[in-house]
Structure formats: C-alpha cells, structure tokens
Amino acid sequence: MCINRRRMLAMTSAAAVLPLLGTWIPAPLHASVPADLRFLAMYQGSPVGEHRVAFQSDGQNLVVTTHIDITVTVLFITVFHYVHDAVEIWQSGRLISVESVTDDNGTSLAVTGSASSDGFRIMSLDGPFLAASNLLTTNTLWDIRLLRESRVIDVQHGGEVGLVVKRVGAEQVVTPRGPVSTQRYQIITPNYAGSLFFDGDGQWVKGLMERQGEILEYALAS
C-alpha cells in the first residue's frame, strides 16, 4: 500500500469526503471515562510491539496517556523502530495540554503545547506554532470525531497537518469479545496512512497502519 500522501492531501479536500461519512458516524463518546485500549502491532502475522491508550479522570479533565513501542526486524536487521509516549489533557472535548517524546528510527522528537486565549500554542524542534483551539491530535485515533476532521495537531512533529478520511465500508472484525460488525475508514496524513475500524458504538477496534511502505495490523488485545 504505497501512497503519495502529500499529493493525495493536495488533491482531496475534507468537503469531498464528508458526505460519505455523515450517514453512519455514531454520536461522540459520552463524558464518562472510556475504557483503556491495548493493541498488538502485528507484522506479517507476528507481534512486533504494542499501542496502548489509557484514560483517567482528573476532576473536569480527561487525561489520555499514549504509549507506542514497535520494532520490525527482517533477517535480524532492524528496519523500523518507533517509540512514542504522550500525555494529553482534555476538557469538555478540547485539548488543553500535551507533552510527548518520540524516537522515530533514531530521530528524537519532542512536543509540548497548551491552550491559550488565541488558540493552542505548540513548541517543537521546528519552533513555536499557533494552532486552532478546537483541533484533535494525531494520537486521537480512538475518538470517532476524528472522522469529521480535515486538520489535526501533530503531536509527534509539532504544528498542524492535513487529514483526509474516506469511508471504505462494512467489515467483520475479530476482537477479544468475538466478531463485531465495523465500518472501515481510510485515513491519510503527510506522515502516516492506513485504516481505522469502528464498531457500532463508535469504539476503535482495529487498525491498519502504513509505516515506511510496510503494513502493520493493530489487533485489539484488551
């Protein structure tokens, strides 16, 4: 699945795909704390890491902790190594702060950000950036609202990036609670692409992620 993502983003607008989404997307997640998520990252049928999302209530805030640790080796040679840790604090569905560190194949990245009166201020290795105050992030794959977005905050590299979403169709997905009916959506950003699978309650239950031309399957473990 090799995709020229930047070209695709330039050619496709969010307005073009929203009609495909509007008839199915369930209501946003309720104010209650979502259940933690743990996905096994699978490459060619073998586990190569994990992607975990933990949720914790802190007064009026929702604290979301993301941990990704994936290493792909071929013939005893590491061809892909990615570790990402982030803490996001949300209030009434809006991001109010983020801190993240990333090791992307040996390249160290760090992002911090906080809500301000004029938007959301981000600091990364590329310098400061002022984003819109109501954006989701590249980590909010768990949030069904992502499917309606056209731009997100990049919590790996900093700044904002474009997002294209297209509904693919219905698919059955095997989960720890048995087979479930899902809707599959293709997502494309400048830095990654793949597919997200959501069940009828708007819960993220599977992923297919393209990393450096290789496909990783996110299989729900808990």
Protein backbone atom coordinates (compact mmCIF):
# COMPACT_ATOMS: atom_id res chain seq x y z
CA MET A 1 0.00 0.00 0.00
CA CYS A 2 2.28 2.79 -1.19
CA ILE A 3 0.54 6.15 -1.12
CA ASN A 4 1.79 9.55 -2.19
CA ARG A 5 0.15 11.13 0.82
CA ARG A 6 1.08 14.75 0.22
CA ARG A 7 -0.28 14.57 -3.34
CA MET A 8 -3.43 12.93 -2.08
CA LEU A 9 -3.93 15.64 0.52
CA ALA A 10 -3.45 18.33 -2.08
CA MET A 11 -5.99 16.77 -4.43
CA THR A 12 -8.65 15.71 -1.94
CA SER A 13 -10.50 18.02 0.40
CA ALA A 14 -12.38 17.09 3.53
CA ALA A 15 -15.54 18.54 1.98
CA ALA A 16 -15.41 15.88 -0.70
CA VAL A 17 -15.45 13.01 1.75
CA LEU A 18 -17.79 14.29 4.45
CA PRO A 19 -20.93 13.21 2.56
CA LEU A 20 -19.58 9.65 2.70
CA LEU A 21 -19.28 9.86 6.47
CA GLY A 22 -22.35 11.69 7.61
CA THR A 23 -24.92 8.92 7.46
CA TRP A 24 -23.16 6.42 9.71
CA ILE A 25 -20.89 8.08 12.29
CA PRO A 26 -22.28 7.42 15.77
CA ALA A 27 -22.61 10.11 18.41
CA PRO A 28 -19.36 11.22 20.09
CA LEU A 29 -18.17 9.34 23.13
CA HIS A 30 -20.01 10.18 26.34
CA ALA A 31 -18.49 12.24 29.13
CA SER A 32 -17.71 9.05 31.09
CA VAL A 33 -14.12 7.82 31.06
CA PRO A 34 -13.52 5.48 28.08
CA ALA A 35 -12.10 2.01 28.66
CA ASP A 36 -8.36 1.63 28.19
CA LEU A 37 -7.21 0.24 24.83
CA ARG A 38 -4.34 -2.09 24.04
CA PHE A 39 -3.48 -3.17 20.51
CA LEU A 40 -0.85 -5.68 19.48
CA ALA A 41 1.11 -4.43 16.48
CA MET A 42 1.40 -7.32 14.02
CA TYR A 43 3.73 -7.56 11.02
CA GLN A 44 3.22 -10.44 8.61
CA GLY A 45 1.33 -12.31 11.33
CA SER A 46 3.90 -11.86 14.11
CA PRO A 47 3.72 -9.44 17.06
CA VAL A 48 6.25 -6.61 16.83
CA GLY A 49 5.04 -4.24 19.52
CA GLU A 50 2.03 -2.55 21.02
CA HIS A 51 -0.06 0.60 21.03
CA ARG A 52 -1.71 1.44 24.35
CA VAL A 53 -4.11 4.24 25.28
CA ALA A 54 -5.03 4.79 28.95
CA PHE A 55 -7.76 7.12 30.18
CA GLN A 56 -8.04 8.71 33.62
CA SER A 57 -10.43 11.24 35.07
CA ASP A 58 -8.90 14.22 36.88
CA GLY A 59 -11.72 16.44 38.06
CA GLN A 60 -13.20 18.01 34.94
CA ASN A 61 -10.28 16.81 32.84
CA LEU A 62 -9.67 13.62 30.91
CA VAL A 63 -6.03 12.54 30.96
CA VAL A 64 -5.09 10.40 27.96
CA THR A 65 -1.76 8.57 28.00
CA THR A 66 -0.50 7.05 24.75
CA HIS A 67 2.37 4.57 24.54
CA ILE A 68 3.60 3.07 21.26
CA ASP A 69 6.59 0.73 21.05
CA ILE A 70 7.17 -1.06 17.74
CA THR A 71 10.29 -2.70 16.32
CA VAL A 72 10.31 -4.55 12.99
CA THR A 73 13.28 -6.75 12.14
CA VAL A 74 13.98 -8.58 8.89
CA LEU A 75 16.76 -11.18 8.80
CA PHE A 76 17.95 -9.94 12.22
CA ILE A 77 18.24 -6.36 10.93
CA THR A 78 16.06 -3.65 12.46
CA VAL A 79 14.23 -1.96 9.61
CA PHE A 80 11.79 0.07 11.68
CA HIS A 81 11.87 1.26 15.28
CA TYR A 82 9.30 3.62 16.74
CA VAL A 83 8.65 4.59 20.35
CA HIS A 84 6.20 7.32 21.29
CA ASP A 85 4.93 8.47 24.68
CA ALA A 86 2.43 11.27 25.15
CA VAL A 87 0.16 12.71 27.81
CA GLU A 88 -2.79 14.77 26.60
CA ILE A 89 -5.24 16.57 28.89
CA TRP A 90 -8.72 17.21 27.56
CA GLN A 91 -11.52 19.32 28.99
CA SER A 92 -15.07 19.28 27.58
CA GLY A 93 -13.75 17.68 24.39
CA ARG A 94 -10.96 20.23 23.83
CA LEU A 95 -7.23 19.75 24.19
CA ILE A 96 -5.74 21.91 26.94
CA SER A 97 -2.21 20.50 27.13
CA VAL A 98 0.12 17.92 25.60
CA GLU A 99 3.63 16.62 26.24
CA SER A 100 5.23 13.98 24.02
CA VAL A 101 8.57 12.38 23.22
CA THR A 102 9.26 10.19 20.19
CA ASP A 103 12.08 8.02 18.90
CA ASP A 104 11.45 7.63 15.17
CA ASN A 105 14.15 5.32 13.84
CA GLY A 106 16.76 7.04 15.99
CA THR A 107 15.49 10.58 15.45
CA SER A 108 14.46 12.15 18.76
CA LEU A 109 11.40 14.40 18.73
CA ALA A 110 9.62 16.33 21.48
CA VAL A 111 6.43 18.37 21.52
CA THR A 112 4.74 20.43 24.23
CA GLY A 113 1.62 22.53 23.96
CA SER A 114 -1.06 24.30 25.93
CA ALA A 115 -4.32 26.10 25.30
CA SER A 116 -4.20 29.89 25.22
CA SER A 117 -6.66 32.71 24.67
CA ASP A 118 -5.79 32.86 20.96
CA GLY A 119 -5.57 29.14 20.14
CA PHE A 120 -3.32 26.24 21.06
CA ARG A 121 0.38 27.05 21.37
CA ILE A 122 2.81 24.29 20.36
CA MET A 123 6.55 24.06 20.79
CA SER A 124 8.62 21.51 18.89
CA LEU A 125 12.10 21.18 17.40
CA ASP A 126 10.83 23.25 14.46
CA GLY A 127 9.95 26.12 16.80
CA PRO A 128 6.67 27.59 18.06
CA PHE A 129 3.34 27.23 16.26
CA LEU A 130 -0.14 28.55 16.99
CA ALA A 131 -2.86 26.05 16.09
CA ALA A 132 -6.61 26.41 16.18
CA SER A 133 -8.10 25.79 19.62
CA ASN A 134 -10.59 23.10 18.62
CA LEU A 135 -8.36 20.56 16.84
CA LEU A 136 -7.90 16.91 17.70
CA THR A 137 -4.44 15.34 17.52
CA THR A 138 -2.65 12.67 15.52
CA ASN A 139 -2.99 10.47 18.64
CA THR A 140 -6.78 10.63 18.84
CA LEU A 141 -7.33 7.57 16.68
CA TRP A 142 -9.62 6.39 19.48
CA ASP A 143 -12.01 9.34 19.05
CA ILE A 144 -14.78 8.90 16.47
CA ARG A 145 -14.79 12.69 15.94
CA LEU A 146 -11.53 12.29 14.04
CA LEU A 147 -13.52 11.07 11.05
CA ARG A 148 -15.00 14.55 10.56
CA GLU A 149 -11.73 16.45 10.78
CA SER A 150 -9.61 17.92 7.99
CA ARG A 151 -6.70 19.15 10.13
CA VAL A 152 -5.13 17.86 13.36
CA ILE A 153 -2.32 18.82 15.71
CA ASP A 154 0.77 16.73 15.04
CA VAL A 155 1.91 15.63 18.49
CA GLN A 156 4.91 13.78 17.07
CA HIS A 157 6.48 16.54 14.96
CA GLY A 158 4.61 19.69 16.03
CA GLY A 159 2.38 22.08 14.10
CA GLU A 160 -0.76 21.16 12.18
CA VAL A 161 -1.16 18.60 9.41
CA GLY A 162 -3.90 17.87 6.92
CA LEU A 163 -6.14 14.83 7.28
CA VAL A 164 -8.16 13.05 4.61
CA VAL A 165 -10.77 10.47 5.63
CA LYS A 166 -12.75 8.20 3.33
CA ARG A 167 -15.31 5.61 4.28
CA VAL A 168 -14.45 2.20 2.84
CA GLY A 169 -17.39 0.11 4.01
CA ALA A 170 -18.59 -2.55 6.42
CA GLU A 171 -16.27 -5.33 7.64
CA GLN A 172 -16.36 -8.03 10.31
CA VAL A 173 -13.50 -7.81 12.79
CA VAL A 174 -12.43 -10.46 15.28
CA THR A 175 -11.98 -8.98 18.77
CA PRO A 176 -11.45 -10.40 22.27
CA ARG A 177 -15.23 -10.26 22.73
CA GLY A 178 -15.85 -12.11 19.47
CA PRO A 179 -16.62 -10.99 15.90
CA VAL A 180 -18.10 -7.49 15.62
CA SER A 181 -19.54 -5.52 12.74
CA THR A 182 -17.48 -2.43 11.95
CA GLN A 183 -17.14 0.39 9.49
CA ARG A 184 -13.72 0.86 7.93
CA TYR A 185 -12.28 4.31 7.14
CA GLN A 186 -9.12 5.12 5.22
CA ILE A 187 -7.06 7.92 6.76
CA ILE A 188 -4.19 9.83 5.17
CA THR A 189 -1.84 12.39 6.71
CA PRO A 190 1.56 13.61 5.48
CA ASN A 191 3.31 11.29 7.97
CA TYR A 192 1.22 8.12 8.04
CA ALA A 193 -1.73 6.44 6.41
CA GLY A 194 -3.89 3.41 6.99
CA SER A 195 -7.37 2.33 8.05
CA LEU A 196 -9.37 2.60 11.25
CA PHE A 197 -12.23 0.25 12.15
CA PHE A 198 -15.03 1.41 14.48
CA ASP A 199 -17.86 -0.69 15.86
CA GLY A 200 -21.49 0.41 16.14
CA ASP A 201 -20.81 2.15 19.46
CA GLY A 202 -18.05 4.26 17.95
CA GLN A 203 -15.26 2.25 19.61
CA TRP A 204 -11.92 1.82 17.83
CA VAL A 205 -11.39 -1.95 17.46
CA LYS A 206 -8.74 -2.40 14.74
CA GLY A 207 -6.16 -0.54 12.70
CA LEU A 208 -4.03 -1.00 9.62
CA MET A 209 -1.08 1.39 9.56
CA GLU A 210 1.43 2.04 6.82
CA ARG A 211 4.93 2.64 8.14
CA GLN A 212 7.74 3.13 5.63
CA GLY A 213 5.86 1.19 2.98
CA GLU A 214 5.06 -1.74 5.29
CA ILE A 215 1.63 -2.56 6.70
CA LEU A 216 1.19 -3.08 10.44
CA GLU A 217 -2.03 -4.54 11.78
CA TYR A 218 -3.34 -3.28 15.11
CA ALA A 219 -5.17 -6.22 16.69
CA LEU A 220 -7.24 -5.34 19.75
CA ALA A 221 -5.89 -7.22 22.79
CA SER A 222 -7.93 -5.56 25.54
